[in-house]
């Protein structure tokens, strides 16, 4: 968990330092949002299914003995 938090912290630091990278990331997020709106409601259904499948996989993996 600490490793994941550290990776998010480093990514946030890079975004704070580099305005060009920050602009690029926000542009891609904006383009993804517009693409979701263009193909809605099917795209929202697909994103919901992907999140549900990911959650099911995560719960299944954490329940396995190590």
N, C-alpha and C. Protein backbone atom coordinates (compact mmCIF):
# COMPACT_ATOMS: atom_id res chain seq x y z
N UNK A 1 0.83 -1.18 0.00
CA UNK A 1 0.00 0.00 0.00
C UNK A 1 0.87 1.25 0.00
N UNK A 2 1.97 1.19 0.78
CA UNK A 2 2.85 2.35 0.82
C UNK A 2 3.53 2.57 -0.53
N UNK A 3 3.82 1.48 -1.23
CA UNK A 3 4.44 1.60 -2.54
C UNK A 3 3.48 2.29 -3.51
N UNK A 4 2.21 1.92 -3.48
CA UNK A 4 1.23 2.55 -4.36
C UNK A 4 1.06 4.03 -4.02
N UNK A 5 0.99 4.34 -2.73
CA UNK A 5 0.88 5.74 -2.32
C UNK A 5 2.10 6.55 -2.74
N UNK A 6 3.28 5.93 -2.64
CA UNK A 6 4.49 6.60 -3.07
C UNK A 6 4.49 6.87 -4.57
N UNK A 7 3.98 5.92 -5.35
CA UNK A 7 3.91 6.12 -6.80
C UNK A 7 2.94 7.24 -7.14
N UNK A 8 1.81 7.30 -6.45
CA UNK A 8 0.88 8.40 -6.68
C UNK A 8 1.48 9.74 -6.26
N UNK A 9 2.24 9.72 -5.17
CA UNK A 9 2.90 10.93 -4.72
C UNK A 9 3.94 11.42 -5.72
N UNK A 10 4.72 10.50 -6.28
CA UNK A 10 5.70 10.88 -7.29
C UNK A 10 5.02 11.41 -8.55
N UNK A 11 3.93 10.76 -8.95
CA UNK A 11 3.20 11.23 -10.13
C UNK A 11 2.64 12.63 -9.88
N UNK A 12 2.11 12.86 -8.69
CA UNK A 12 1.61 14.19 -8.36
C UNK A 12 2.71 15.23 -8.34
N UNK A 13 3.89 14.84 -7.84
CA UNK A 13 5.02 15.77 -7.83
C UNK A 13 5.45 16.13 -9.25
N UNK A 14 5.48 15.14 -10.13
CA UNK A 14 5.84 15.42 -11.53
C UNK A 14 4.81 16.35 -12.17
N UNK A 15 3.54 16.14 -11.85
CA UNK A 15 2.50 17.01 -12.40
C UNK A 15 2.63 18.43 -11.86
N UNK A 16 3.04 18.58 -10.61
CA UNK A 16 3.22 19.92 -10.05
C UNK A 16 4.43 20.63 -10.65
N UNK A 17 5.46 19.86 -10.94
CA UNK A 17 6.71 20.46 -11.44
C UNK A 17 6.60 20.86 -12.91
N UNK A 18 6.00 19.99 -13.72
CA UNK A 18 6.02 20.20 -15.17
C UNK A 18 4.68 20.72 -15.69
N UNK A 19 4.61 21.99 -16.08
CA UNK A 19 3.35 22.52 -16.61
C UNK A 19 2.98 21.89 -17.96
N UNK A 20 3.98 21.51 -18.77
CA UNK A 20 3.66 20.89 -20.06
C UNK A 20 3.05 19.51 -19.87
N UNK A 21 3.58 18.74 -18.92
CA UNK A 21 3.02 17.42 -18.64
C UNK A 21 1.62 17.56 -18.06
N UNK A 22 1.44 18.53 -17.17
CA UNK A 22 0.12 18.76 -16.56
C UNK A 22 -0.91 19.12 -17.64
N UNK A 23 -0.52 19.98 -18.58
CA UNK A 23 -1.44 20.35 -19.67
C UNK A 23 -1.77 19.15 -20.54
N UNK A 24 -0.76 18.34 -20.81
CA UNK A 24 -0.98 17.14 -21.63
C UNK A 24 -1.94 16.17 -20.95
N UNK A 25 -1.75 15.95 -19.65
CA UNK A 25 -2.61 15.02 -18.91
C UNK A 25 -4.05 15.55 -18.87
N UNK A 26 -4.22 16.85 -18.58
CA UNK A 26 -5.58 17.41 -18.53
C UNK A 26 -6.25 17.37 -19.89
N UNK A 27 -5.49 17.57 -20.97
CA UNK A 27 -6.06 17.49 -22.31
C UNK A 27 -6.55 16.08 -22.62
N UNK A 28 -5.78 15.07 -22.22
CA UNK A 28 -6.19 13.68 -22.45
C UNK A 28 -7.42 13.31 -21.62
N UNK A 29 -7.48 13.79 -20.38
CA UNK A 29 -8.65 13.53 -19.54
C UNK A 29 -9.89 14.20 -20.15
N UNK A 30 -9.72 15.42 -20.64
CA UNK A 30 -10.83 16.13 -21.29
C UNK A 30 -11.29 15.40 -22.54
N UNK A 31 -10.34 14.90 -23.34
CA UNK A 31 -10.70 14.16 -24.56
C UNK A 31 -11.44 12.87 -24.21
N UNK A 32 -11.02 12.19 -23.14
CA UNK A 32 -11.70 10.96 -22.73
C UNK A 32 -13.12 11.27 -22.27
N UNK A 33 -13.31 12.37 -21.55
CA UNK A 33 -14.65 12.77 -21.12
C UNK A 33 -15.56 13.08 -22.28
N UNK A 34 -15.02 13.79 -23.28
CA UNK A 34 -15.82 14.09 -24.46
C UNK A 34 -16.17 12.84 -25.25
N UNK A 35 -15.23 11.88 -25.30
CA UNK A 35 -15.50 10.63 -25.99
C UNK A 35 -16.59 9.84 -25.27
N UNK A 36 -16.56 9.86 -23.93
CA UNK A 36 -17.62 9.20 -23.16
C UNK A 36 -18.98 9.84 -23.44
N UNK A 37 -19.02 11.16 -23.52
CA UNK A 37 -20.28 11.84 -23.80
C UNK A 37 -20.77 11.55 -25.21
N UNK A 38 -19.85 11.42 -26.16
CA UNK A 38 -20.24 11.17 -27.55
C UNK A 38 -20.91 9.80 -27.70
N UNK A 39 -20.39 8.81 -26.99
CA UNK A 39 -20.93 7.45 -27.11
C UNK A 39 -21.88 7.08 -25.97
N UNK A 40 -22.33 8.03 -25.18
CA UNK A 40 -23.22 7.69 -24.08
C UNK A 40 -24.58 7.26 -24.62
N UNK A 41 -25.32 6.47 -23.95
CA UNK A 41 -25.15 5.87 -22.63
C UNK A 41 -24.39 4.56 -22.66
N UNK A 42 -24.07 4.03 -23.85
CA UNK A 42 -23.36 2.76 -23.89
C UNK A 42 -21.97 2.85 -23.27
N UNK A 43 -21.31 3.98 -23.42
CA UNK A 43 -19.97 4.10 -22.85
C UNK A 43 -20.02 4.09 -21.33
N UNK A 44 -21.04 4.72 -20.75
CA UNK A 44 -21.17 4.71 -19.30
C UNK A 44 -21.45 3.29 -18.80
N UNK A 45 -22.23 2.56 -19.54
CA UNK A 45 -22.51 1.16 -19.20
C UNK A 45 -21.22 0.34 -19.26
N UNK A 46 -20.41 0.56 -20.29
CA UNK A 46 -19.15 -0.16 -20.43
C UNK A 46 -18.17 0.18 -19.32
N UNK A 47 -18.09 1.46 -18.95
CA UNK A 47 -17.20 1.86 -17.86
C UNK A 47 -17.68 1.24 -16.55
N UNK A 48 -18.98 1.22 -16.34
CA UNK A 48 -19.52 0.61 -15.13
C UNK A 48 -19.21 -0.88 -15.07
N UNK A 49 -19.34 -1.57 -16.20
CA UNK A 49 -19.01 -3.00 -16.23
C UNK A 49 -17.52 -3.22 -15.98
N UNK A 50 -16.67 -2.37 -16.54
CA UNK A 50 -15.23 -2.52 -16.33
C UNK A 50 -14.87 -2.31 -14.86
N UNK A 51 -15.49 -1.33 -14.21
CA UNK A 51 -15.23 -1.09 -12.79
C UNK A 51 -15.74 -2.26 -11.95
N UNK A 52 -16.92 -2.77 -12.28
CA UNK A 52 -17.47 -3.91 -11.55
C UNK A 52 -16.58 -5.14 -11.73
N UNK A 53 -16.13 -5.40 -12.94
CA UNK A 53 -15.26 -6.56 -13.19
C UNK A 53 -13.93 -6.40 -12.45
N UNK A 54 -13.39 -5.20 -12.44
CA UNK A 54 -12.15 -4.96 -11.71
C UNK A 54 -12.32 -5.17 -10.22
N UNK A 55 -13.43 -4.72 -9.68
CA UNK A 55 -13.70 -4.91 -8.25
C UNK A 55 -13.88 -6.38 -7.92
N UNK A 56 -14.57 -7.11 -8.79
CA UNK A 56 -14.75 -8.55 -8.56
C UNK A 56 -13.41 -9.28 -8.60
N UNK A 57 -12.56 -8.91 -9.54
CA UNK A 57 -11.24 -9.54 -9.65
C UNK A 57 -10.40 -9.22 -8.41
N UNK A 58 -10.47 -7.96 -7.95
CA UNK A 58 -9.69 -7.55 -6.79
C UNK A 58 -10.14 -8.30 -5.54
N UNK A 59 -11.45 -8.45 -5.35
CA UNK A 59 -11.97 -9.17 -4.19
C UNK A 59 -11.62 -10.65 -4.29
N UNK A 60 -11.68 -11.22 -5.49
CA UNK A 60 -11.35 -12.63 -5.68
C UNK A 60 -9.87 -12.89 -5.36
N UNK A 61 -8.99 -11.99 -5.81
CA UNK A 61 -7.56 -12.18 -5.57
C UNK A 61 -7.22 -12.03 -4.10
N UNK A 62 -7.89 -11.11 -3.41
CA UNK A 62 -7.55 -10.90 -2.00
C UNK A 62 -8.08 -12.03 -1.12
N UNK A 63 -9.04 -12.81 -1.60
CA UNK A 63 -9.59 -13.89 -0.81
C UNK A 63 -8.77 -15.17 -0.95
N UNK A 64 -7.86 -15.24 -1.92
CA UNK A 64 -7.07 -16.45 -2.12
C UNK A 64 -5.97 -16.53 -1.05
N UNK A 65 -5.71 -17.75 -0.58
CA UNK A 65 -4.61 -17.90 0.41
C UNK A 65 -3.25 -17.68 -0.25
N UNK A 66 -2.33 -17.16 0.53
CA UNK A 66 -0.98 -16.91 -0.02
C UNK A 66 0.00 -17.88 0.53
